[in-house]
Amino acid sequence: MVFTWLQLAIFIFMLSGLLFAGGPLILSWIIAPRAKGGDMGMPYECGMRPHGSAWTRYGINYYVYALLFLAFDVDVLYLFPVAVHYPHAEGISAFVKVLIFVSVLAAAIIYFWRKGVFTWPRKIS
């Protein structure tokens, strides 16, 4: 099989792409310090030694709030392209679609509110 210039260029670009992606990984593995224990094993806390245990347990409410924030934040991001296209839309169909989307988000907020997700406990055990 005879290589053409195009096949040689593709091979060179693939090889350079692999080196470009894997080179820093291999280089950091070669020149990284190998020290273990001491300050290397400690969690980083603003350049200061941490006070107490760094492995504290947080209440589930922190994670629930974070997941709800991400879910509603991503859903609201869908409204930006709709708002850009909305002035160019004809008829009432665009308004109805946006109204349905916002009403589903509002229904989700009301559901979570009724389930008591937004009530913060006084003491986390």
PDB file of N, CA and C in Angstrom:
ATOM      1  N   MET A   1       0.840  -1.178   0.000  1.00  0.00           N
ATOM      2  CA  MET A   1       0.000   0.000   0.000  1.00  0.00           C
ATOM      3  C   MET A   1       0.884   1.239   0.000  1.00  0.00           C
ATOM      4  N   VAL A   2       0.569   2.153  -0.845  1.00  0.00           N
ATOM      5  CA  VAL A   2       1.343   3.375  -0.997  1.00  0.00           C
ATOM      6  C   VAL A   2       0.606   4.511  -0.282  1.00  0.00           C
ATOM      7  N   PHE A   3       1.357   5.231   0.566  1.00  0.00           N
ATOM      8  CA  PHE A   3       0.774   6.369   1.259  1.00  0.00           C
ATOM      9  C   PHE A   3       0.760   7.575   0.349  1.00  0.00           C
ATOM     10  N   THR A   4      -0.354   8.298   0.361  1.00  0.00           N
ATOM     11  CA  THR A   4      -0.415   9.569  -0.360  1.00  0.00           C
ATOM     12  C   THR A   4      -0.075  10.685   0.620  1.00  0.00           C
ATOM     13  N   TRP A   5       0.071  11.882   0.107  1.00  0.00           N
ATOM     14  CA  TRP A   5       0.378  13.026   0.959  1.00  0.00           C
ATOM     15  C   TRP A   5      -0.765  13.301   1.934  1.00  0.00           C
ATOM     16  N   LEU A   6      -1.985  13.074   1.506  1.00  0.00           N
ATOM     17  CA  LEU A   6      -3.134  13.293   2.381  1.00  0.00           C
ATOM     18  C   LEU A   6      -3.131  12.312   3.556  1.00  0.00           C
ATOM     19  N   GLN A   7      -2.839  11.052   3.272  1.00  0.00           N
ATOM     20  CA  GLN A   7      -2.788  10.058   4.349  1.00  0.00           C
ATOM     21  C   GLN A   7      -1.643  10.348   5.308  1.00  0.00           C
ATOM     22  N   LEU A   8      -0.514  10.797   4.782  1.00  0.00           N
ATOM     23  CA  LEU A   8       0.618  11.160   5.635  1.00  0.00           C
ATOM     24  C   LEU A   8       0.266  12.362   6.515  1.00  0.00           C
ATOM     25  N   ALA A   9      -0.423  13.348   5.939  1.00  0.00           N
ATOM     26  CA  ALA A   9      -0.823  14.526   6.718  1.00  0.00           C
ATOM     27  C   ALA A   9      -1.813  14.137   7.807  1.00  0.00           C
ATOM     28  N   ILE A  10      -2.766  13.261   7.485  1.00  0.00           N
ATOM     29  CA  ILE A  10      -3.731  12.808   8.488  1.00  0.00           C
ATOM     30  C   ILE A  10      -3.011  12.073   9.614  1.00  0.00           C
ATOM     31  N   PHE A  11      -2.062  11.201   9.273  1.00  0.00           N
ATOM     32  CA  PHE A  11      -1.302  10.467  10.280  1.00  0.00           C
ATOM     33  C   PHE A  11      -0.499  11.417  11.163  1.00  0.00           C
ATOM     34  N   ILE A  12       0.144  12.404  10.572  1.00  0.00           N
ATOM     35  CA  ILE A  12       0.941  13.372  11.346  1.00  0.00           C
ATOM     36  C   ILE A  12       0.042  14.184  12.269  1.00  0.00           C
ATOM     37  N   PHE A  13      -1.119  14.623  11.776  1.00  0.00           N
ATOM     38  CA  PHE A  13      -2.028  15.398  12.614  1.00  0.00           C
ATOM     39  C   PHE A  13      -2.623  14.551  13.738  1.00  0.00           C
ATOM     40  N   MET A  14      -2.908  13.287  13.475  1.00  0.00           N
ATOM     41  CA  MET A  14      -3.400  12.417  14.539  1.00  0.00           C
ATOM     42  C   MET A  14      -2.330  12.191  15.604  1.00  0.00           C
ATOM     43  N   LEU A  15      -1.096  11.964  15.174  1.00  0.00           N
ATOM     44  CA  LEU A  15       0.003  11.769  16.104  1.00  0.00           C
ATOM     45  C   LEU A  15       0.263  13.032  16.925  1.00  0.00           C
ATOM     46  N   SER A  16       0.243  14.197  16.261  1.00  0.00           N
ATOM     47  CA  SER A  16       0.465  15.443  17.003  1.00  0.00           C
ATOM     48  C   SER A  16      -0.703  15.737  17.935  1.00  0.00           C
ATOM     49  N   GLY A  17      -1.928  15.357  17.557  1.00  0.00           N
ATOM     50  CA  GLY A  17      -3.067  15.535  18.456  1.00  0.00           C
ATOM     51  C   GLY A  17      -2.959  14.663  19.687  1.00  0.00           C
ATOM     52  N   LEU A  18      -2.523  13.408  19.502  1.00  0.00           N
ATOM     53  CA  LEU A  18      -2.328  12.529  20.654  1.00  0.00           C
ATOM     54  C   LEU A  18      -1.220  13.032  21.561  1.00  0.00           C
ATOM     55  N   LEU A  19      -0.141  13.519  20.968  1.00  0.00           N
ATOM     56  CA  LEU A  19       0.945  14.076  21.778  1.00  0.00           C
ATOM     57  C   LEU A  19       0.519  15.359  22.478  1.00  0.00           C
ATOM     58  N   PHE A  20      -0.292  16.156  21.806  1.00  0.00           N
ATOM     59  CA  PHE A  20      -0.772  17.400  22.407  1.00  0.00           C
ATOM     60  C   PHE A  20      -1.682  17.120  23.599  1.00  0.00           C
ATOM     61  N   ALA A  21      -2.493  16.057  23.500  1.00  0.00           N
ATOM     62  CA  ALA A  21      -3.399  15.717  24.595  1.00  0.00           C
ATOM     63  C   ALA A  21      -2.694  14.915  25.683  1.00  0.00           C
ATOM     64  N   GLY A  22      -1.871  13.954  25.301  1.00  0.00           N
ATOM     65  CA  GLY A  22      -1.239  13.083  26.279  1.00  0.00           C
ATOM     66  C   GLY A  22       0.094  13.585  26.787  1.00  0.00           C
ATOM     67  N   GLY A  23       0.720  14.486  26.073  1.00  0.00           N
ATOM     68  CA  GLY A  23       2.026  15.002  26.479  1.00  0.00           C
ATOM     69  C   GLY A  23       2.040  15.638  27.856  1.00  0.00           C
ATOM     70  N   PRO A  24       1.124  16.582  28.133  1.00  0.00           N
ATOM     71  CA  PRO A  24       1.116  17.164  29.479  1.00  0.00           C
ATOM     72  C   PRO A  24       0.826  16.148  30.575  1.00  0.00           C
ATOM     73  N   LEU A  25      -0.014  15.161  30.281  1.00  0.00           N
ATOM     74  CA  LEU A  25      -0.299  14.137  31.290  1.00  0.00           C
ATOM     75  C   LEU A  25       0.939  13.309  31.594  1.00  0.00           C
ATOM     76  N   ILE A  26       1.630  12.891  30.561  1.00  0.00           N
ATOM     77  CA  ILE A  26       2.841  12.089  30.750  1.00  0.00           C
ATOM     78  C   ILE A  26       3.932  12.921  31.404  1.00  0.00           C
ATOM     79  N   LEU A  27       4.072  14.173  30.969  1.00  0.00           N
ATOM     80  CA  LEU A  27       5.094  15.055  31.536  1.00  0.00           C
ATOM     81  C   LEU A  27       4.830  15.332  33.011  1.00  0.00           C
ATOM     82  N   SER A  28       3.585  15.567  33.381  1.00  0.00           N
ATOM     83  CA  SER A  28       3.294  15.815  34.795  1.00  0.00           C
ATOM     84  C   SER A  28       3.502  14.560  35.630  1.00  0.00           C
ATOM     85  N   TRP A  29       3.256  13.384  35.065  1.00  0.00           N
ATOM     86  CA  TRP A  29       3.500  12.147  35.789  1.00  0.00           C
ATOM     87  C   TRP A  29       4.993  11.932  36.002  1.00  0.00           C
ATOM     88  N   ILE A  30       5.822  12.368  35.032  1.00  0.00           N
ATOM     89  CA  ILE A  30       7.270  12.183  35.143  1.00  0.00           C
ATOM     90  C   ILE A  30       7.884  13.159  36.135  1.00  0.00           C
ATOM     91  N   ILE A  31       7.508  14.442  36.075  1.00  0.00           N
ATOM     92  CA  ILE A  31       8.194  15.449  36.893  1.00  0.00           C
ATOM     93  C   ILE A  31       7.452  15.812  38.172  1.00  0.00           C
ATOM     94  N   ALA A  32       6.299  15.186  38.460  1.00  0.00           N
ATOM     95  CA  ALA A  32       5.557  15.505  39.673  1.00  0.00           C
ATOM     96  C   ALA A  32       6.313  15.022  40.903  1.00  0.00           C
ATOM     97  N   PRO A  33       6.207  15.757  42.018  1.00  0.00           N
ATOM     98  CA  PRO A  33       6.868  15.300  43.237  1.00  0.00           C
ATOM     99  C   PRO A  33       6.228  14.025  43.756  1.00  0.00           C
ATOM    100  N   ARG A  34       7.050  13.161  44.321  1.00  0.00           N
ATOM    101  CA  ARG A  34       6.579  11.868  44.785  1.00  0.00           C
ATOM    102  C   ARG A  34       6.365  11.824  46.306  1.00  0.00           C
ATOM    103  N   ALA A  35       6.469  12.960  46.977  1.00  0.00           N
ATOM    104  CA  ALA A  35       6.338  12.989  48.440  1.00  0.00           C
ATOM    105  C   ALA A  35       4.921  12.635  48.851  1.00  0.00           C
ATOM    106  N   LYS A  36       4.809  11.812  49.880  1.00  0.00           N
ATOM    107  CA  LYS A  36       3.506  11.430  50.402  1.00  0.00           C
ATOM    108  C   LYS A  36       3.522  11.661  51.901  1.00  0.00           C
ATOM    109  N   GLY A  37       2.337  11.937  52.437  1.00  0.00           N
ATOM    110  CA  GLY A  37       2.223  12.156  53.865  1.00  0.00           C
ATOM    111  C   GLY A  37       2.577  13.589  54.231  1.00  0.00           C
ATOM    112  N   GLY A  38       2.520  13.902  55.488  1.00  0.00           N
ATOM    113  CA  GLY A  38       2.827  15.253  55.950  1.00  0.00           C
ATOM    114  C   GLY A  38       1.808  16.246  55.425  1.00  0.00           C
ATOM    115  N   ASP A  39       2.297  17.372  54.950  1.00  0.00           N
ATOM    116  CA  ASP A  39       1.410  18.411  54.432  1.00  0.00           C
ATOM    117  C   ASP A  39       0.806  18.042  53.089  1.00  0.00           C
ATOM    118  N   MET A  40       1.409  17.105  52.371  1.00  0.00           N
ATOM    119  CA  MET A  40       0.862  16.711  51.067  1.00  0.00           C
ATOM    120  C   MET A  40      -0.472  15.980  51.224  1.00  0.00           C
ATOM    121  N   GLY A  41      -0.658  15.287  52.317  1.00  0.00           N
ATOM    122  CA  GLY A  41      -1.888  14.545  52.527  1.00  0.00           C
ATOM    123  C   GLY A  41      -2.991  15.361  53.178  1.00  0.00           C
ATOM    124  N   MET A  42      -2.672  16.583  53.598  1.00  0.00           N
ATOM    125  CA  MET A  42      -3.647  17.422  54.272  1.00  0.00           C
ATOM    126  C   MET A  42      -4.550  18.127  53.271  1.00  0.00           C
ATOM    127  N   PRO A  43      -5.813  18.337  53.609  1.00  0.00           N
ATOM    128  CA  PRO A  43      -6.677  19.094  52.703  1.00  0.00           C
ATOM    129  C   PRO A  43      -6.257  20.555  52.663  1.00  0.00           C
ATOM    130  N   TYR A  44      -6.407  21.174  51.513  1.00  0.00           N
ATOM    131  CA  TYR A  44      -6.011  22.571  51.344  1.00  0.00           C
ATOM    132  C   TYR A  44      -7.079  23.472  51.917  1.00  0.00           C
ATOM    133  N   GLU A  45      -6.662  24.417  52.753  1.00  0.00           N
ATOM    134  CA  GLU A  45      -7.610  25.335  53.359  1.00  0.00           C
ATOM    135  C   GLU A  45      -6.997  26.732  53.398  1.00  0.00           C
ATOM    136  N   CYS A  46      -6.949  27.397  52.271  1.00  0.00           N
ATOM    137  CA  CYS A  46      -6.485  28.777  52.143  1.00  0.00           C
ATOM    138  C   CYS A  46      -5.045  28.960  52.603  1.00  0.00           C
ATOM    139  N   GLY A  47      -4.202  27.986  52.432  1.00  0.00           N
ATOM    140  CA  GLY A  47      -2.811  28.105  52.795  1.00  0.00           C
ATOM    141  C   GLY A  47      -2.545  27.977  54.277  1.00  0.00           C
ATOM    142  N   MET A  48      -3.544  27.724  55.062  1.00  0.00           N
ATOM    143  CA  MET A  48      -3.386  27.595  56.506  1.00  0.00           C
ATOM    144  C   MET A  48      -3.657  26.155  56.905  1.00  0.00           C
ATOM    145  N   ARG A  49      -3.136  25.770  58.044  1.00  0.00           N
ATOM    146  CA  ARG A  49      -3.429  24.437  58.545  1.00  0.00           C
ATOM    147  C   ARG A  49      -4.903  24.380  58.933  1.00  0.00           C
ATOM    148  N   PRO A  50      -5.604  23.312  58.545  1.00  0.00           N
ATOM    149  CA  PRO A  50      -7.030  23.230  58.870  1.00  0.00           C
ATOM    150  C   PRO A  50      -7.251  23.004  60.361  1.00  0.00           C
ATOM    151  N   HIS A  51      -8.318  23.589  60.860  1.00  0.00           N
ATOM    152  CA  HIS A  51      -8.691  23.423  62.264  1.00  0.00           C
ATOM    153  C   HIS A  51      -9.723  22.304  62.351  1.00  0.00           C
ATOM    154  N   GLY A  52      -9.477  21.326  63.163  1.00  0.00           N
ATOM    155  CA  GLY A  52     -10.426  20.237  63.330  1.00  0.00           C
ATOM    156  C   GLY A  52     -10.384  19.276  62.155  1.00  0.00           C
ATOM    157  N   SER A  53     -11.431  18.515  62.034  1.00  0.00           N
ATOM    158  CA  SER A  53     -11.498  17.517  60.988  1.00  0.00           C
ATOM    159  C   SER A  53     -12.001  18.142  59.690  1.00  0.00           C
ATOM    160  N   ALA A  54     -11.333  17.839  58.603  1.00  0.00           N
ATOM    161  CA  ALA A  54     -11.775  18.347  57.312  1.00  0.00           C
ATOM    162  C   ALA A  54     -12.862  17.475  56.719  1.00  0.00           C
ATOM    163  N   TRP A  55     -13.084  16.322  57.271  1.00  0.00           N
ATOM    164  CA  TRP A  55     -14.076  15.389  56.745  1.00  0.00           C
ATOM    165  C   TRP A  55     -15.362  15.482  57.557  1.00  0.00           C
ATOM    166  N   THR A  56     -15.948  16.665  57.578  1.00  0.00           N
ATOM    167  CA  THR A  56     -17.198  16.835  58.311  1.00  0.00           C
ATOM    168  C   THR A  56     -18.361  16.383  57.445  1.00  0.00           C
ATOM    169  N   ARG A  57     -19.407  15.961  58.094  1.00  0.00           N
ATOM    170  CA  ARG A  57     -20.602  15.525  57.374  1.00  0.00           C
ATOM    171  C   ARG A  57     -21.571  16.697  57.291  1.00  0.00           C
ATOM    172  N   TYR A  58     -22.048  16.939  56.098  1.00  0.00           N
ATOM    173  CA  TYR A  58     -23.037  17.987  55.894  1.00  0.00           C
ATOM    174  C   TYR A  58     -24.414  17.350  55.823  1.00  0.00           C
ATOM    175  N   GLY A  59     -25.422  18.135  56.170  1.00  0.00           N
ATOM    176  CA  GLY A  59     -26.786  17.653  56.082  1.00  0.00           C
ATOM    177  C   GLY A  59     -27.198  17.479  54.626  1.00  0.00           C
ATOM    178  N   ILE A  60     -28.179  16.649  54.406  1.00  0.00           N
ATOM    179  CA  ILE A  60     -28.646  16.366  53.061  1.00  0.00           C
ATOM    180  C   ILE A  60     -29.291  17.600  52.436  1.00  0.00           C
ATOM    181  N   ASN A  61     -29.718  18.542  53.266  1.00  0.00           N
ATOM    182  CA  ASN A  61     -30.381  19.733  52.737  1.00  0.00           C
ATOM    183  C   ASN A  61     -29.458  20.558  51.853  1.00  0.00           C
ATOM    184  N   TYR A  62     -28.172  20.581  52.160  1.00  0.00           N
ATOM    185  CA  TYR A  62     -27.236  21.314  51.309  1.00  0.00           C
ATOM    186  C   TYR A  62     -27.238  20.736  49.899  1.00  0.00           C
ATOM    187  N   TYR A  63     -27.211  19.424  49.809  1.00  0.00           N
ATOM    188  CA  TYR A  63     -27.166  18.774  48.510  1.00  0.00           C
ATOM    189  C   TYR A  63     -28.496  18.923  47.770  1.00  0.00           C
ATOM    190  N   VAL A  64     -29.605  18.855  48.508  1.00  0.00           N
ATOM    191  CA  VAL A  64     -30.912  19.020  47.873  1.00  0.00           C
ATOM    192  C   VAL A  64     -31.043  20.421  47.302  1.00  0.00           C
ATOM    193  N   TYR A  65     -30.625  21.426  48.071  1.00  0.00           N
ATOM    194  CA  TYR A  65     -30.678  22.802  47.566  1.00  0.00           C
ATOM    195  C   TYR A  65     -29.779  22.970  46.342  1.00  0.00           C
ATOM    196  N   ALA A  66     -28.614  22.363  46.375  1.00  0.00           N
ATOM    197  CA  ALA A  66     -27.703  22.485  45.227  1.00  0.00           C
ATOM    198  C   ALA A  66     -28.301  21.839  43.987  1.00  0.00           C
ATOM    199  N   LEU A  67     -28.880  20.661  44.132  1.00  0.00           N
ATOM    200  CA  LEU A  67     -29.480  19.988  42.975  1.00  0.00           C
ATOM    201  C   LEU A  67     -30.697  20.737  42.458  1.00  0.00           C
ATOM    202  N   LEU A  68     -31.511  21.272  43.358  1.00  0.00           N
ATOM    203  CA  LEU A  68     -32.664  22.058  42.905  1.00  0.00           C
ATOM    204  C   LEU A  68     -32.214  23.327  42.194  1.00  0.00           C
ATOM    205  N   PHE A  69     -31.184  23.971  42.732  1.00  0.00           N
ATOM    206  CA  PHE A  69     -30.677  25.175  42.075  1.00  0.00           C
ATOM    207  C   PHE A  69     -30.176  24.856  40.673  1.00  0.00           C
ATOM    208  N   LEU A  70     -29.413  23.772  40.536  1.00  0.00           N
ATOM    209  CA  LEU A  70     -28.918  23.409  39.202  1.00  0.00           C
ATOM    210  C   LEU A  70     -30.051  23.078  38.245  1.00  0.00           C
ATOM    211  N   ALA A  71     -31.046  22.342  38.723  1.00  0.00           N
ATOM    212  CA  ALA A  71     -32.152  21.967  37.849  1.00  0.00           C
ATOM    213  C   ALA A  71     -32.919  23.190  37.372  1.00  0.00           C
ATOM    214  N   PHE A  72     -33.278  24.086  38.283  1.00  0.00           N
ATOM    215  CA  PHE A  72     -34.041  25.256  37.881  1.00  0.00           C
ATOM    216  C   PHE A  72     -33.175  26.265  37.128  1.00  0.00           C
ATOM    217  N   ASP A  73     -31.897  26.319  37.429  1.00  0.00           N
ATOM    218  CA  ASP A  73     -31.005  27.222  36.711  1.00  0.00           C
ATOM    219  C   ASP A  73     -30.886  26.798  35.252  1.00  0.00           C
ATOM    220  N   VAL A  74     -30.737  25.520  35.011  1.00  0.00           N
ATOM    221  CA  VAL A  74     -30.643  25.034  33.632  1.00  0.00           C
ATOM    222  C   VAL A  74     -31.968  25.232  32.907  1.00  0.00           C
ATOM    223  N   ASP A  75     -33.076  25.008  33.603  1.00  0.00           N
ATOM    224  CA  ASP A  75     -34.376  25.207  32.963  1.00  0.00           C
ATOM    225  C   ASP A  75     -34.607  26.670  32.598  1.00  0.00           C
ATOM    226  N   VAL A  76     -34.187  27.569  33.455  1.00  0.00           N
ATOM    227  CA  VAL A  76     -34.366  28.993  33.158  1.00  0.00           C
ATOM    228  C   VAL A  76     -33.454  29.427  32.016  1.00  0.00           C
ATOM    229  N   LEU A  77     -32.313  28.760  31.853  1.00  0.00           N
ATOM    230  CA  LEU A  77     -31.440  29.092  30.727  1.00  0.00           C
ATOM    231  C   LEU A  77     -32.102  28.823  29.382  1.00  0.00           C
ATOM    232  N   TYR A  78     -33.067  27.909  29.352  1.00  0.00           N
ATOM    233  CA  TYR A  78     -33.799  27.672  28.108  1.00  0.00           C
ATOM    234  C   TYR A  78     -34.655  28.867  27.715  1.00  0.00           C
ATOM    235  N   LEU A  79     -34.949  29.746  28.652  1.00  0.00           N
ATOM    236  CA  LEU A  79     -35.788  30.902  28.337  1.00  0.00           C
ATOM    237  C   LEU A  79     -35.041  31.988  27.570  1.00  0.00           C
ATOM    238  N   PHE A  80     -33.716  32.029  27.628  1.00  0.00           N
ATOM    239  CA  PHE A  80     -32.977  33.068  26.926  1.00  0.00           C
ATOM    240  C   PHE A  80     -33.106  32.971  25.403  1.00  0.00           C
ATOM    241  N   PRO A  81     -32.894  31.810  24.783  1.00  0.00           N
ATOM    242  CA  PRO A  81     -33.099  31.760  23.337  1.00  0.00           C
ATOM    243  C   PRO A  81     -34.555  31.995  22.941  1.00  0.00           C
ATOM    244  N   VAL A  82     -35.470  31.591  23.798  1.00  0.00           N
ATOM    245  CA  VAL A  82     -36.885  31.838  23.508  1.00  0.00           C
ATOM    246  C   VAL A  82     -37.168  33.333  23.535  1.00  0.00           C
ATOM    247  N   ALA A  83     -36.574  34.037  24.488  1.00  0.00           N
ATOM    248  CA  ALA A  83     -36.783  35.483  24.573  1.00  0.00           C
ATOM    249  C   ALA A  83     -36.198  36.208  23.369  1.00  0.00           C
ATOM    250  N   VAL A  84     -35.113  35.680  22.818  1.00  0.00           N
ATOM    251  CA  VAL A  84     -34.527  36.298  21.626  1.00  0.00           C
ATOM    252  C   VAL A  84     -35.409  36.065  20.407  1.00  0.00           C
ATOM    253  N   HIS A  85     -35.984  34.880  20.302  1.00  0.00           N
ATOM    254  CA  HIS A  85     -36.803  34.536  19.131  1.00  0.00           C
ATOM    255  C   HIS A  85     -38.245  35.034  19.265  1.00  0.00           C
ATOM    256  N   TYR A  86     -38.679  35.342  20.475  1.00  0.00           N
ATOM    257  CA  TYR A  86     -40.075  35.689  20.726  1.00  0.00           C
ATOM    258  C   TYR A  86     -40.575  36.881  19.907  1.00  0.00           C
ATOM    259  N   PRO A  87     -39.810  37.976  19.751  1.00  0.00           N
ATOM    260  CA  PRO A  87     -40.337  39.095  18.946  1.00  0.00           C
ATOM    261  C   PRO A  87     -40.562  38.739  17.475  1.00  0.00           C
ATOM    262  N   HIS A  88     -39.886  37.721  16.967  1.00  0.00           N
ATOM    263  CA  HIS A  88     -40.019  37.345  15.559  1.00  0.00           C
ATOM    264  C   HIS A  88     -41.109  36.304  15.337  1.00  0.00           C
ATOM    265  N   ALA A  89     -41.680  35.785  16.407  1.00  0.00           N
ATOM    266  CA  ALA A  89     -42.708  34.744  16.282  1.00  0.00           C
ATOM    267  C   ALA A  89     -44.044  35.386  15.920  1.00  0.00           C
ATOM    268  N   GLU A  90     -44.829  34.647  15.157  1.00  0.00           N
ATOM    269  CA  GLU A  90     -46.147  35.138  14.760  1.00  0.00           C
ATOM    270  C   GLU A  90     -47.223  34.344  15.476  1.00  0.00           C
ATOM    271  N   GLY A  91     -48.272  35.011  15.832  1.00  0.00           N
ATOM    272  CA  GLY A  91     -49.393  34.334  16.463  1.00  0.00           C
ATOM    273  C   GLY A  91     -49.201  34.167  17.956  1.00  0.00           C
ATOM    274  N   ILE A  92     -50.117  33.441  18.532  1.00  0.00           N
ATOM    275  CA  ILE A  92     -50.127  33.255  19.979  1.00  0.00           C
ATOM    276  C   ILE A  92     -49.478  31.940  20.397  1.00  0.00           C
ATOM    277  N   SER A  93     -49.046  31.128  19.438  1.00  0.00           N
ATOM    278  CA  SER A  93     -48.498  29.811  19.773  1.00  0.00           C
ATOM    279  C   SER A  93     -47.201  29.915  20.585  1.00  0.00           C
ATOM    280  N   ALA A  94     -46.357  30.895  20.268  1.00  0.00           N
ATOM    281  CA  ALA A  94     -45.115  31.059  21.032  1.00  0.00           C
ATOM    282  C   ALA A  94     -45.414  31.434  22.481  1.00  0.00           C
ATOM    283  N   PHE A  95     -46.408  32.296  22.668  1.00  0.00           N
ATOM    284  CA  PHE A  95     -46.791  32.688  24.025  1.00  0.00           C
ATOM    285  C   PHE A  95     -47.324  31.497  24.809  1.00  0.00           C
ATOM    286  N   VAL A  96     -48.117  30.660  24.158  1.00  0.00           N
ATOM    287  CA  VAL A  96     -48.678  29.486  24.826  1.00  0.00           C
ATOM    288  C   VAL A  96     -47.573  28.506  25.216  1.00  0.00           C
ATOM    289  N   LYS A  97     -46.591  28.320  24.336  1.00  0.00           N
ATOM    290  CA  LYS A  97     -45.487  27.405  24.640  1.00  0.00           C
ATOM    291  C   LYS A  97     -44.671  27.899  25.830  1.00  0.00           C
ATOM    292  N   VAL A  98     -44.369  29.189  25.853  1.00  0.00           N
ATOM    293  CA  VAL A  98     -43.617  29.751  26.976  1.00  0.00           C
ATOM    294  C   VAL A  98     -44.451  29.677  28.248  1.00  0.00           C
ATOM    295  N   LEU A  99     -45.751  29.915  28.136  1.00  0.00           N
ATOM    296  CA  LEU A  99     -46.625  29.837  29.303  1.00  0.00           C
ATOM    297  C   LEU A  99     -46.675  28.422  29.862  1.00  0.00           C
ATOM    298  N   ILE A 100     -46.717  27.417  29.004  1.00  0.00           N
ATOM    299  CA  ILE A 100     -46.706  26.029  29.465  1.00  0.00           C
ATOM    300  C   ILE A 100     -45.378  25.703  30.159  1.00  0.00           C
ATOM    301  N   PHE A 101     -44.259  26.151  29.573  1.00  0.00           N
ATOM    302  CA  PHE A 101     -42.944  25.885  30.165  1.00  0.00           C
ATOM    303  C   PHE A 101     -42.825  26.524  31.542  1.00  0.00           C
ATOM    304  N   VAL A 102     -43.218  27.775  31.667  1.00  0.00           N
ATOM    305  CA  VAL A 102     -43.118  28.482  32.944  1.00  0.00           C
ATOM    306  C   VAL A 102     -44.102  27.897  33.955  1.00  0.00           C
ATOM    307  N   SER A 103     -45.274  27.468  33.505  1.00  0.00           N
ATOM    308  CA  SER A 103     -46.232  26.877  34.445  1.00  0.00           C
ATOM    309  C   SER A 103     -45.736  25.524  34.971  1.00  0.00           C
ATOM    310  N   VAL A 104     -45.026  24.753  34.147  1.00  0.00           N
ATOM    311  CA  VAL A 104     -44.441  23.500  34.643  1.00  0.00           C
ATOM    312  C   VAL A 104     -43.369  23.797  35.686  1.00  0.00           C
ATOM    313  N   LEU A 105     -42.545  24.822  35.443  1.00  0.00           N
ATOM    314  CA  LEU A 105     -41.551  25.203  36.454  1.00  0.00           C
ATOM    315  C   LEU A 105     -42.218  25.673  37.741  1.00  0.00           C
ATOM    316  N   ALA A 106     -43.286  26.458  37.613  1.00  0.00           N
ATOM    317  CA  ALA A 106     -44.002  26.935  38.800  1.00  0.00           C
ATOM    318  C   ALA A 106     -44.649  25.776  39.542  1.00  0.00           C
ATOM    319  N   ALA A 107     -45.195  24.817  38.807  1.00  0.00           N
ATOM    320  CA  ALA A 107     -45.798  23.651  39.453  1.00  0.00           C
ATOM    321  C   ALA A 107     -44.742  22.843  40.207  1.00  0.00           C
ATOM    322  N   ALA A 108     -43.536  22.743  39.656  1.00  0.00           N
ATOM    323  CA  ALA A 108     -42.461  22.032  40.346  1.00  0.00           C
ATOM    324  C   ALA A 108     -42.069  22.755  41.628  1.00  0.00           C
ATOM    325  N   ILE A 109     -41.999  24.068  41.576  1.00  0.00           N
ATOM    326  CA  ILE A 109     -41.658  24.836  42.781  1.00  0.00           C
ATOM    327  C   ILE A 109     -42.744  24.669  43.839  1.00  0.00           C
ATOM    328  N   ILE A 110     -44.012  24.720  43.431  1.00  0.00           N
ATOM    329  CA  ILE A 110     -45.107  24.535  44.387  1.00  0.00           C
ATOM    330  C   ILE A 110     -45.069  23.129  44.973  1.00  0.00           C
ATOM    331  N   TYR A 111     -44.763  22.132  44.160  1.00  0.00           N
ATOM    332  CA  TYR A 111     -44.667  20.755  44.647  1.00  0.00           C
ATOM    333  C   TYR A 111     -43.570  20.616  45.702  1.00  0.00           C
ATOM    334  N   PHE A 112     -42.394  21.163  45.406  1.00  0.00           N
ATOM    335  CA  PHE A 112     -41.298  21.077  46.365  1.00  0.00           C
ATOM    336  C   PHE A 112     -41.606  21.869  47.634  1.00  0.00           C
ATOM    337  N   TRP A 113     -42.295  22.983  47.491  1.00  0.00           N
ATOM    338  CA  TRP A 113     -42.662  23.790  48.637  1.00  0.00           C
ATOM    339  C   TRP A 113     -43.627  23.019  49.542  1.00  0.00           C
ATOM    340  N   ARG A 114     -44.620  22.348  48.952  1.00  0.00           N
ATOM    341  CA  ARG A 114     -45.595  21.568  49.726  1.00  0.00           C
ATOM    342  C   ARG A 114     -44.953  20.344  50.378  1.00  0.00           C
ATOM    343  N   LYS A 115     -43.935  19.767  49.730  1.00  0.00           N
ATOM    344  CA  LYS A 115     -43.242  18.617  50.308  1.00  0.00           C
ATOM    345  C   LYS A 115     -42.329  19.023  51.464  1.00  0.00           C
ATOM    346  N   GLY A 116     -42.100  20.331  51.641  1.00  0.00           N
ATOM    347  CA  GLY A 116     -41.275  20.808  52.739  1.00  0.00           C
ATOM    348  C   GLY A 116     -39.793  20.825  52.434  1.00  0.00           C
ATOM    349  N   VAL A 117     -39.434  20.842  51.157  1.00  0.00           N
ATOM    350  CA  VAL A 117     -38.018  20.838  50.798  1.00  0.00           C
ATOM    351  C   VAL A 117     -37.369  22.170  51.148  1.00  0.00           C
ATOM    352  N   PHE A 118     -38.119  23.252  51.060  1.00  0.00           N
ATOM    353  CA  PHE A 118     -37.535  24.576  51.288  1.00  0.00           C
ATOM    354  C   PHE A 118     -37.495  24.991  52.742  1.00  0.00           C
ATOM    355  N   THR A 119     -38.000  24.171  53.648  1.00  0.00           N
ATOM    356  CA  THR A 119     -37.932  24.501  55.072  1.00  0.00           C
ATOM    357  C   THR A 119     -36.610  24.004  55.619  1.00  0.00           C
ATOM    358  N   TRP A 120     -35.867  24.894  56.203  1.00  0.00           N
ATOM    359  CA  TRP A 120     -34.561  24.573  56.714  1.00  0.00           C
ATOM    360  C   TRP A 120     -34.677  24.076  58.153  1.00  0.00           C
ATOM    361  N   PRO A 121     -34.084  22.923  58.475  1.00  0.00           N
ATOM    362  CA  PRO A 121     -34.210  22.421  59.857  1.00  0.00           C
ATOM    363  C   PRO A 121     -33.383  23.272  60.815  1.00  0.00           C
ATOM    364  N   ARG A 122     -33.817  23.321  62.049  1.00  0.00           N
ATOM    365  CA  ARG A 122     -33.105  24.116  63.064  1.00  0.00           C
ATOM    366  C   ARG A 122     -31.761  23.506  63.425  1.00  0.00           C
ATOM    367  N   LYS A 123     -31.708  22.214  63.557  1.00  0.00           N
ATOM    368  CA  LYS A 123     -30.479  21.553  63.948  1.00  0.00           C
ATOM    369  C   LYS A 123     -30.301  20.319  63.104  1.00  0.00           C
ATOM    370  N   ILE A 124     -29.112  20.201  62.519  1.00  0.00           N
ATOM    371  CA  ILE A 124     -28.808  19.035  61.689  1.00  0.00           C
ATOM    372  C   ILE A 124     -28.163  17.995  62.577  1.00  0.00           C
ATOM    373  N   SER A 125     -28.748  16.814  62.634  1.00  0.00           N
ATOM    374  CA  SER A 125     -28.186  15.776  63.500  1.00  0.00           C
ATOM    375  C   SER A 125     -27.320  14.822  62.692  1.00  0.00           C
TER     376      SER A 125
END
